[in-house]
């Protein structure tokens, strides 16, 4: 059984008031102690459901039944789920909008781009600030979500500071981040913080089975315990059998499993593979490919050289590479770990892939 087809992400609790992800119920309860805060920073490991929690909190703040917020049944809750609430604005980078299936919509959208931006741009923040000064459409205040907040560049973050410090009456802000240290200290200091933890392994596996994954454990290991990331890999065609064969195929110089994949995803997979190969070479256990079949032990010096090449590529993953040539080059470097050339690691150049 494969994962269900990805759909545009919805926000907020359902009509029974249940959170969109079951492990968010505990975080929602913790947020009630911070309900007087005008600015919350939701932080924790990537893939825990930061945006879903932000939507859930915004729905609770705007709910027309405060005693049961979010009730999931009132008009406000329905509007949040449909992402058409006049008092909720979600600001994300254009690249994230594409990933969420929200492209082509007006809500915080930027002009179409050949390559969607990964940044929250200063123009988006200024437009959001203008929106905060408009009158509430339904009279229960307004909620502004910035996801992920660390996608703001310096200009964007500075533009937000005054609103964080002196928000208009009735406005509440929700910022998300998997790495709060990337935020300006002046942004962090103006927010109350709420940590979002990943669910327990058994809860994550049970949820993934509900999404159609027959063997979720290998994907959870690849995703460092994040069920959302594991589901994302499944939707890209990875499963337990693919993961079991991947190390041997790469060691043999077979780039076929990586063909057609985005360069950042390819580099992510290969960096996780080289991590596990180095761990095994040092006598340790793999972390990401825990149920895989492994080739013969590799040469540590060549693994280090390959890792450095991958890290260099990761720093420039937005470069207009020739993807097929780059993938072949990176896999060729992997084979050098099993057949080092006359005492020094073989070094395949990636420059020809540009």
Protein backbone atom coordinates (compact mmCIF):
# COMPACT_ATOMS: atom_id res chain seq x y z
CA UNK A 1 0.00 0.00 0.00
CA UNK A 2 1.32 3.45 -0.88
CA UNK A 3 0.83 6.81 0.77
CA UNK A 4 -2.30 8.70 -0.15
CA UNK A 5 -2.05 11.40 -2.78
CA UNK A 6 -0.91 14.74 -1.42
CA UNK A 7 -3.61 17.43 -1.26
CA UNK A 8 -3.42 21.16 -0.46
CA UNK A 9 -2.92 21.46 3.28
CA UNK A 10 -5.91 22.53 5.36
CA UNK A 11 -5.66 24.48 8.60
CA UNK A 12 -7.42 24.11 11.92
CA UNK A 13 -9.43 21.49 13.77
CA UNK A 14 -12.17 19.43 12.13
CA UNK A 15 -15.89 19.68 12.87
CA UNK A 16 -15.43 17.61 16.04
CA UNK A 17 -12.74 20.01 17.26
CA UNK A 18 -9.97 17.45 16.71
CA UNK A 19 -6.53 18.76 15.73
CA UNK A 20 -5.28 18.04 12.18
CA UNK A 21 -2.43 15.97 13.65
CA UNK A 22 -3.16 13.93 16.82
CA UNK A 23 0.07 14.83 18.63
CA UNK A 24 -0.81 18.55 18.50
CA UNK A 25 -3.44 18.18 21.22
CA UNK A 26 -0.80 18.32 23.95
CA UNK A 27 0.84 21.42 22.43
CA UNK A 28 -2.55 23.11 22.15
CA UNK A 29 -3.16 22.47 25.84
CA UNK A 30 0.24 23.95 26.67
CA UNK A 31 -0.56 27.03 24.64
CA UNK A 32 -3.53 27.84 26.86
CA UNK A 33 -1.10 29.00 29.56
CA UNK A 34 0.20 31.57 27.07
CA UNK A 35 -3.17 32.70 25.77
CA UNK A 36 -2.58 36.31 26.84
CA UNK A 37 0.58 36.58 24.76
CA UNK A 38 0.27 38.70 21.63
CA UNK A 39 3.23 36.95 19.92
CA UNK A 40 4.08 33.25 20.12
CA UNK A 41 7.16 31.56 18.67
CA UNK A 42 6.41 27.89 17.93
CA UNK A 43 9.70 26.03 17.75
CA UNK A 44 11.01 22.48 17.77
CA UNK A 45 12.38 19.81 15.42
CA UNK A 46 11.48 20.19 11.75
CA UNK A 47 8.51 18.17 10.60
CA UNK A 48 6.54 18.32 13.84
CA UNK A 49 3.61 20.24 12.37
CA UNK A 50 4.54 23.85 13.13
CA UNK A 51 2.21 25.32 10.52
CA UNK A 52 -0.64 23.01 11.50
CA UNK A 53 -0.26 24.07 15.15
CA UNK A 54 -0.16 27.73 14.15
CA UNK A 55 -3.40 27.26 12.23
CA UNK A 56 -4.96 25.45 15.17
CA UNK A 57 -4.04 28.24 17.59
CA UNK A 58 -5.30 30.92 15.21
CA UNK A 59 -8.55 29.00 14.87
CA UNK A 60 -8.87 28.85 18.68
CA UNK A 61 -8.25 32.60 19.01
CA UNK A 62 -10.86 33.42 16.36
CA UNK A 63 -13.42 30.79 17.40
CA UNK A 64 -16.94 32.06 18.19
CA UNK A 65 -17.36 29.49 20.99
CA UNK A 66 -14.53 30.43 23.40
CA UNK A 67 -15.53 27.80 25.96
CA UNK A 68 -14.77 25.02 23.45
CA UNK A 69 -12.24 26.74 21.21
CA UNK A 70 -11.50 25.59 18.64
CA UNK A 71 -14.97 24.11 18.33
CA UNK A 72 -14.64 23.24 14.65
CA UNK A 73 -18.32 24.00 14.07
CA UNK A 74 -18.82 27.77 14.14
CA UNK A 75 -18.65 29.97 11.08
CA UNK A 76 -15.22 31.25 12.04
CA UNK A 77 -13.79 27.73 12.38
CA UNK A 78 -15.16 26.75 8.96
CA UNK A 79 -13.58 29.83 7.41
CA UNK A 80 -10.19 29.01 8.97
CA UNK A 81 -10.33 25.46 7.60
CA UNK A 82 -11.14 26.84 4.16
CA UNK A 83 -8.36 29.44 4.54
CA UNK A 84 -10.83 32.17 3.68
CA UNK A 85 -11.15 33.84 7.09
CA UNK A 86 -10.84 37.62 6.64
CA UNK A 87 -9.02 37.95 9.98
CA UNK A 88 -6.37 35.27 9.39
CA UNK A 89 -3.33 35.92 7.21
CA UNK A 90 -0.70 33.24 6.60
CA UNK A 91 2.59 34.49 5.16
CA UNK A 92 4.94 31.87 3.70
CA UNK A 93 7.71 31.91 1.08
CA UNK A 94 6.54 31.24 -2.45
CA UNK A 95 8.47 27.93 -2.48
CA UNK A 96 6.55 26.77 0.60
CA UNK A 97 3.28 27.85 -1.01
CA UNK A 98 4.05 25.57 -3.94
CA UNK A 99 4.88 22.66 -1.60
CA UNK A 100 1.59 23.15 0.26
CA UNK A 101 -0.44 23.21 -2.94
CA UNK A 102 -1.47 26.83 -2.37
CA UNK A 103 0.07 28.31 -5.51
CA UNK A 104 -2.09 30.51 -7.66
CA UNK A 105 -4.04 31.89 -4.71
CA UNK A 106 -4.17 35.49 -3.60
CA UNK A 107 -3.63 35.00 0.13
CA UNK A 108 -0.19 36.51 0.68
CA UNK A 109 0.94 35.36 -2.74
CA UNK A 110 3.74 36.98 -4.67
CA UNK A 111 4.00 37.33 -8.42
CA UNK A 112 4.71 34.06 -10.28
CA UNK A 113 8.41 33.29 -10.51
CA UNK A 114 10.47 30.93 -12.64
CA UNK A 115 12.05 29.66 -9.42
CA UNK A 116 9.90 30.24 -6.31
CA UNK A 117 11.67 32.16 -3.56
CA UNK A 118 12.57 30.46 -0.28
CA UNK A 119 12.50 33.81 1.55
CA UNK A 120 9.72 35.75 3.21
CA UNK A 121 10.38 39.01 1.46
CA UNK A 122 10.15 42.47 2.92
CA UNK A 123 7.28 43.31 0.54
CA UNK A 124 5.26 40.43 2.01
CA UNK A 125 5.90 41.63 5.55
CA UNK A 126 4.95 45.23 4.70
CA UNK A 127 1.72 44.07 3.07
CA UNK A 128 0.98 41.97 6.15
CA UNK A 129 1.57 44.96 8.43
CA UNK A 130 -0.83 47.05 6.36
CA UNK A 131 -3.39 44.24 6.71
CA UNK A 132 -3.02 44.24 10.52
CA UNK A 133 -4.20 47.86 10.66
CA UNK A 134 -7.45 47.11 8.83
CA UNK A 135 -10.65 46.61 10.81
CA UNK A 136 -11.41 43.05 11.91
CA UNK A 137 -13.93 41.46 9.56
CA UNK A 138 -15.72 39.32 12.18
CA UNK A 139 -14.95 41.31 15.31
CA UNK A 140 -12.88 38.77 17.26
CA UNK A 141 -9.45 40.22 16.47
CA UNK A 142 -6.89 39.17 13.89
CA UNK A 143 -4.19 36.50 13.63
CA UNK A 144 -1.01 36.77 11.57
CA UNK A 145 1.08 33.63 10.92
CA UNK A 146 4.65 33.73 9.54
CA UNK A 147 5.96 30.31 8.55
CA UNK A 148 8.80 29.67 8.83
CA UNK A 149 9.82 32.90 10.51
CA UNK A 150 13.51 32.17 9.95
CA UNK A 151 12.82 32.53 6.22
CA UNK A 152 12.67 36.29 6.82
CA UNK A 153 15.81 38.06 5.70
CA UNK A 154 17.24 40.91 7.75
CA UNK A 155 15.12 43.55 6.03
CA UNK A 156 11.93 41.51 6.50
CA UNK A 157 12.65 40.84 10.18
CA UNK A 158 13.46 44.48 10.90
CA UNK A 159 10.24 45.55 9.20
CA UNK A 160 8.28 43.35 11.60
CA UNK A 161 9.89 44.58 14.83
CA UNK A 162 7.61 47.53 15.54
CA UNK A 163 4.48 45.39 15.03
CA UNK A 164 5.90 42.73 17.37
CA UNK A 165 6.59 45.36 20.02
CA UNK A 166 3.45 47.46 19.61
CA UNK A 167 0.80 45.39 17.81
CA UNK A 168 -2.52 46.95 16.80
CA UNK A 169 -5.37 46.22 19.22
CA UNK A 170 -6.72 42.69 18.82
CA UNK A 171 -3.78 41.38 16.79
CA UNK A 172 -1.96 38.17 17.71
CA UNK A 173 1.10 36.88 15.90
CA UNK A 174 2.34 33.31 15.44
CA UNK A 175 5.89 32.70 14.25
CA UNK A 176 7.27 29.23 13.56
CA UNK A 177 10.85 28.01 13.46
CA UNK A 178 12.77 24.74 13.56
CA UNK A 179 15.91 26.72 14.45
CA UNK A 180 15.14 29.84 16.54
CA UNK A 181 18.84 30.77 16.62
CA UNK A 182 18.49 31.79 12.98
CA UNK A 183 16.05 34.52 14.00
CA UNK A 184 17.23 37.97 14.97
CA UNK A 185 17.61 38.22 18.76
CA UNK A 186 15.32 41.26 18.64
CA UNK A 187 12.59 39.07 17.11
CA UNK A 188 13.05 36.21 19.59
CA UNK A 189 12.99 38.56 22.58
CA UNK A 190 9.58 39.94 21.60
CA UNK A 191 7.90 36.52 21.55
CA UNK A 192 6.71 34.02 24.13
CA UNK A 193 8.06 30.57 23.22
CA UNK A 194 6.18 27.29 22.87
CA UNK A 195 8.12 24.13 22.07
CA UNK A 196 6.61 21.55 19.73
CA UNK A 197 8.08 18.06 20.14
CA UNK A 198 7.92 15.21 17.65
CA UNK A 199 5.44 12.47 18.54
CA UNK A 200 6.57 9.20 20.10
CA UNK A 201 7.72 6.60 17.57
CA UNK A 202 4.69 4.34 18.09
CA UNK A 203 2.25 7.23 17.69
CA UNK A 204 4.07 8.44 14.55
CA UNK A 205 4.05 4.93 13.05
CA UNK A 206 0.35 4.44 13.82
CA UNK A 207 -0.50 7.76 12.15
CA UNK A 208 1.54 6.86 9.06
CA UNK A 209 -0.26 3.55 8.75
CA UNK A 210 -3.52 5.50 8.72
CA UNK A 211 -2.10 7.47 5.78
CA UNK A 212 -1.48 4.24 3.85
CA UNK A 213 2.12 3.31 4.69
CA UNK A 214 2.40 -0.42 5.31
CA UNK A 215 5.95 -0.28 6.75
CA UNK A 216 6.50 3.20 8.18
CA UNK A 217 9.46 2.45 10.49
CA UNK A 218 12.27 2.64 7.86
CA UNK A 219 10.88 5.94 6.56
CA UNK A 220 10.60 7.31 10.10
CA UNK A 221 14.27 6.48 10.65
CA UNK A 222 15.21 8.28 7.42
CA UNK A 223 13.14 11.28 8.59
CA UNK A 224 14.70 11.38 12.09
CA UNK A 225 11.34 10.58 13.65
CA UNK A 226 9.26 13.18 11.79
CA UNK A 227 6.02 11.62 10.50
CA UNK A 228 5.38 14.52 8.12
CA UNK A 229 8.84 14.20 6.59
CA UNK A 230 8.40 10.42 6.37
CA UNK A 231 5.10 10.93 4.56
CA UNK A 232 6.80 13.37 2.21
CA UNK A 233 9.43 10.76 1.29
CA UNK A 234 6.69 8.17 0.73
CA UNK A 235 4.87 10.53 -1.62
CA UNK A 236 8.13 10.81 -3.59
CA UNK A 237 8.17 7.04 -4.13
CA UNK A 238 10.38 5.82 -1.27
CA UNK A 239 9.38 2.74 0.69
CA UNK A 240 11.03 0.05 2.81
CA UNK A 241 12.25 -1.93 -0.23
CA UNK A 242 13.73 1.19 -1.86
CA UNK A 243 15.58 2.09 1.33
CA UNK A 244 16.86 -1.46 1.80
CA UNK A 245 18.51 -1.50 -1.65
CA UNK A 246 19.71 2.10 -1.79
CA UNK A 247 23.17 1.74 -0.14
CA UNK A 248 24.18 -1.20 -2.35
CA UNK A 249 22.97 0.48 -5.53
CA UNK A 250 24.86 3.70 -4.78
CA UNK A 251 28.00 1.73 -3.90
CA UNK A 252 27.74 0.05 -7.30
CA UNK A 253 27.55 3.45 -9.02
CA UNK A 254 23.86 3.16 -9.88
CA UNK A 255 22.29 6.63 -9.96
CA UNK A 256 18.91 5.36 -11.19
CA UNK A 257 17.14 5.60 -7.79
CA UNK A 258 17.96 9.34 -7.71
CA UNK A 259 16.97 10.18 -11.29
CA UNK A 260 14.44 12.97 -11.60
CA UNK A 261 14.64 14.04 -7.96
CA UNK A 262 15.28 17.62 -6.85
CA UNK A 263 18.94 18.31 -6.09
CA UNK A 264 18.31 19.32 -2.42
CA UNK A 265 16.51 16.00 -1.85
CA UNK A 266 19.28 14.04 -3.58
CA UNK A 267 21.95 15.73 -1.47
CA UNK A 268 19.91 15.12 1.69
CA UNK A 269 19.65 11.39 0.92
CA UNK A 270 23.34 11.07 0.08
CA UNK A 271 24.46 13.00 3.17
CA UNK A 272 22.39 10.65 5.33
CA UNK A 273 23.88 7.67 3.52
CA UNK A 274 27.45 8.84 3.97
CA UNK A 275 26.73 9.51 7.67
CA UNK A 276 25.63 5.90 8.12
CA UNK A 277 28.55 4.55 6.09
CA UNK A 278 30.99 6.50 8.26
CA UNK A 279 29.26 5.27 11.40
CA UNK A 280 29.58 1.68 10.22
CA UNK A 281 33.21 2.19 9.23
CA UNK A 282 33.88 3.39 12.79
CA UNK A 283 32.08 0.39 14.30
CA UNK A 284 28.79 2.16 15.02
CA UNK A 285 25.18 1.57 13.98
CA UNK A 286 23.36 3.34 11.11
CA UNK A 287 20.89 6.07 12.05
CA UNK A 288 18.94 6.74 8.84
CA UNK A 289 19.06 3.51 6.79
CA UNK A 290 18.40 1.18 9.69
CA UNK A 291 16.87 -1.74 7.74
CA UNK A 292 19.14 -1.65 4.70
CA UNK A 293 21.44 -4.18 3.10
CA UNK A 294 24.99 -2.90 3.14
CA UNK A 295 27.95 -3.23 0.78
CA UNK A 296 31.42 -4.16 1.99
CA UNK A 297 33.07 -1.70 4.42
CA UNK A 298 34.15 1.52 2.72
CA UNK A 299 37.37 3.51 2.88
CA UNK A 300 37.00 6.22 5.55
CA UNK A 301 39.23 8.78 3.81
CA UNK A 302 37.18 8.48 0.62
CA UNK A 303 33.94 8.77 2.58
CA UNK A 304 35.20 12.02 4.12
CA UNK A 305 36.09 13.36 0.65
CA UNK A 306 32.64 12.42 -0.64
CA UNK A 307 30.94 14.05 2.35
CA UNK A 308 32.86 17.29 1.73
CA UNK A 309 31.76 17.30 -1.91
CA UNK A 310 28.14 16.82 -0.84
CA UNK A 311 28.38 19.66 1.67
CA UNK A 312 29.82 21.97 -1.00
CA UNK A 313 26.91 21.09 -3.27
CA UNK A 314 24.42 21.65 -0.44
CA UNK A 315 25.67 25.23 -0.01
CA UNK A 316 24.83 25.92 -3.65
CA UNK A 317 21.74 23.79 -4.19
CA UNK A 318 19.90 26.72 -5.85
CA UNK A 319 22.57 26.90 -8.58
CA UNK A 320 21.14 26.06 -12.05
CA UNK A 321 22.86 22.68 -12.17
CA UNK A 322 22.51 20.13 -14.92
CA UNK A 323 20.76 17.80 -12.49
CA UNK A 324 21.45 14.51 -14.28
CA UNK A 325 25.17 15.20 -14.63
CA UNK A 326 25.48 16.41 -11.06
CA UNK A 327 23.78 13.30 -9.67
CA UNK A 328 26.04 11.04 -11.75
CA UNK A 329 29.07 12.95 -10.45
CA UNK A 330 28.03 12.63 -6.81
CA UNK A 331 27.33 8.90 -7.17
CA UNK A 332 30.67 8.40 -8.96
CA UNK A 333 32.37 9.85 -5.90
CA UNK A 334 30.54 7.28 -3.80
CA UNK A 335 32.07 4.40 -5.74
CA UNK A 336 35.53 5.82 -4.92
CA UNK A 337 34.92 4.92 -1.30
CA UNK A 338 35.02 1.23 -2.25
CA UNK A 339 37.84 1.57 -4.81
CA UNK A 340 40.23 4.36 -3.73
CA UNK A 341 42.78 5.22 -6.36
CA UNK A 342 46.38 4.39 -5.46
CA UNK A 343 46.34 5.59 -1.89
CA UNK A 344 44.29 8.79 -2.40
CA UNK A 345 40.54 9.19 -2.80
CA UNK A 346 39.24 9.61 -6.32
CA UNK A 347 37.80 13.07 -6.82
CA UNK A 348 35.06 13.51 -9.40
CA UNK A 349 34.53 17.14 -10.33
CA UNK A 350 31.03 18.62 -10.18
CA UNK A 351 31.96 21.69 -12.22
CA UNK A 352 30.92 20.03 -15.50
CA UNK A 353 27.40 19.70 -14.15
CA UNK A 354 26.85 23.44 -14.08
